[in-house]
Amino acid sequence: MEKIRKYVERFFKTHKDNMKYQIYTSDAMAVAKEMRINPLETVVTLFDYGYAKGYRAAMAEMKKKGGESV
């Protein structure tokens, strides 16, 4: 977990946080509830969710820059 935290910290040292692509409180509460039922599947789903959110952010960034790669 520490490796993940450090990765995220390094990322945000050079990238601005965008609220549009963050998890909503209601989603976070649903995750907390689901973790008690099926923790492994929940973690995998969260990574997929993060990937999808990141993809959307990258596409929006490219669109904003006129198709230029990020």
C-alpha atoms as a PDB file:
ATOM      1  CA  MET A   1       0.000   0.000   0.000  1.00  0.00           C
ATOM      2  CA  GLU A   2       2.882   2.339   0.750  1.00  0.00           C
ATOM      3  CA  LYS A   3       4.153   1.939  -2.835  1.00  0.00           C
ATOM      4  CA  ILE A   4       0.739   2.997  -4.144  1.00  0.00           C
ATOM      5  CA  ARG A   5       0.571   6.018  -1.815  1.00  0.00           C
ATOM      6  CA  LYS A   6       4.021   7.186  -2.918  1.00  0.00           C
ATOM      7  CA  TYR A   7       3.100   6.737  -6.583  1.00  0.00           C
ATOM      8  CA  VAL A   8      -0.002   8.885  -6.102  1.00  0.00           C
ATOM      9  CA  GLU A   9       1.962  11.519  -4.160  1.00  0.00           C
ATOM     10  CA  ARG A  10       4.591  11.746  -6.921  1.00  0.00           C
ATOM     11  CA  PHE A  11       1.879  12.029  -9.565  1.00  0.00           C
ATOM     12  CA  PHE A  12       0.177  14.962  -7.841  1.00  0.00           C
ATOM     13  CA  LYS A  13       3.462  16.817  -7.442  1.00  0.00           C
ATOM     14  CA  THR A  14       3.443  17.389 -11.205  1.00  0.00           C
ATOM     15  CA  HIS A  15      -0.252  17.141 -12.107  1.00  0.00           C
ATOM     16  CA  LYS A  16      -3.209  19.247 -11.045  1.00  0.00           C
ATOM     17  CA  ASP A  17      -6.089  17.478  -9.301  1.00  0.00           C
ATOM     18  CA  ASN A  18      -9.338  17.548 -11.310  1.00  0.00           C
ATOM     19  CA  MET A  19     -12.508  17.131  -9.218  1.00  0.00           C
ATOM     20  CA  LYS A  20     -14.415  16.097 -12.343  1.00  0.00           C
ATOM     21  CA  TYR A  21     -12.590  12.756 -12.417  1.00  0.00           C
ATOM     22  CA  GLN A  22     -12.656  11.898  -8.709  1.00  0.00           C
ATOM     23  CA  ILE A  23     -14.808   9.328  -6.956  1.00  0.00           C
ATOM     24  CA  TYR A  24     -18.037  10.680  -5.467  1.00  0.00           C
ATOM     25  CA  THR A  25     -18.724  10.337  -1.740  1.00  0.00           C
ATOM     26  CA  SER A  26     -21.707   8.081  -2.423  1.00  0.00           C
ATOM     27  CA  ASP A  27     -19.489   5.819  -4.536  1.00  0.00           C
ATOM     28  CA  ALA A  28     -16.842   5.725  -1.803  1.00  0.00           C
ATOM     29  CA  MET A  29     -19.488   4.743   0.757  1.00  0.00           C
ATOM     30  CA  ALA A  30     -20.721   1.976  -1.551  1.00  0.00           C
ATOM     31  CA  VAL A  31     -17.140   0.740  -1.905  1.00  0.00           C
ATOM     32  CA  ALA A  32     -16.676   0.682   1.878  1.00  0.00           C
ATOM     33  CA  LYS A  33     -19.843  -1.394   2.214  1.00  0.00           C
ATOM     34  CA  GLU A  34     -18.845  -3.752  -0.593  1.00  0.00           C
ATOM     35  CA  MET A  35     -15.345  -4.251   0.878  1.00  0.00           C
ATOM     36  CA  ARG A  36     -16.930  -6.099   3.800  1.00  0.00           C
ATOM     37  CA  ILE A  37     -18.670  -8.501   1.405  1.00  0.00           C
ATOM     38  CA  ASN A  38     -16.098  -9.142  -1.325  1.00  0.00           C
ATOM     39  CA  PRO A  39     -12.830  -7.218  -0.804  1.00  0.00           C
ATOM     40  CA  LEU A  40     -10.775  -8.669  -3.668  1.00  0.00           C
ATOM     41  CA  GLU A  41     -13.441  -8.139  -6.329  1.00  0.00           C
ATOM     42  CA  THR A  42     -14.038  -4.631  -4.986  1.00  0.00           C
ATOM     43  CA  VAL A  43     -10.347  -3.709  -5.293  1.00  0.00           C
ATOM     44  CA  VAL A  44     -10.222  -5.052  -8.855  1.00  0.00           C
ATOM     45  CA  THR A  45     -13.356  -3.082  -9.733  1.00  0.00           C
ATOM     46  CA  LEU A  46     -11.816   0.073  -8.231  1.00  0.00           C
ATOM     47  CA  PHE A  47      -8.728  -0.302 -10.413  1.00  0.00           C
ATOM     48  CA  ASP A  48     -10.970  -0.722 -13.469  1.00  0.00           C
ATOM     49  CA  TYR A  49     -12.932   2.360 -12.381  1.00  0.00           C
ATOM     50  CA  GLY A  50      -9.713   4.341 -11.992  1.00  0.00           C
ATOM     51  CA  TYR A  51      -8.553   3.237 -15.422  1.00  0.00           C
ATOM     52  CA  ALA A  52     -11.845   4.299 -17.000  1.00  0.00           C
ATOM     53  CA  LYS A  53     -11.761   7.673 -15.197  1.00  0.00           C
ATOM     54  CA  GLY A  54      -8.143   8.189 -16.275  1.00  0.00           C
ATOM     55  CA  TYR A  55      -8.988   7.312 -19.856  1.00  0.00           C
ATOM     56  CA  ARG A  56     -11.829   9.836 -19.890  1.00  0.00           C
ATOM     57  CA  ALA A  57      -9.517  12.475 -18.420  1.00  0.00           C
ATOM     58  CA  ALA A  58      -6.870  11.761 -21.074  1.00  0.00           C
ATOM     59  CA  MET A  59      -9.421  11.964 -23.887  1.00  0.00           C
ATOM     60  CA  ALA A  60     -10.757  15.267 -22.551  1.00  0.00           C
ATOM     61  CA  GLU A  61      -7.204  16.611 -22.297  1.00  0.00           C
ATOM     62  CA  MET A  62      -6.399  15.575 -25.882  1.00  0.00           C
ATOM     63  CA  LYS A  63      -9.643  17.123 -27.120  1.00  0.00           C
ATOM     64  CA  LYS A  64      -8.800  20.345 -25.306  1.00  0.00           C
ATOM     65  CA  LYS A  65      -5.350  20.376 -26.931  1.00  0.00           C
ATOM     66  CA  GLY A  66      -6.709  19.568 -30.387  1.00  0.00           C
ATOM     67  CA  GLY A  67      -5.833  15.870 -30.527  1.00  0.00           C
ATOM     68  CA  GLU A  68      -2.261  16.348 -29.323  1.00  0.00           C
ATOM     69  CA  SER A  69      -0.969  13.415 -27.265  1.00  0.00           C
ATOM     70  CA  VAL A  70      -0.628  13.975 -23.527  1.00  0.00           C
END
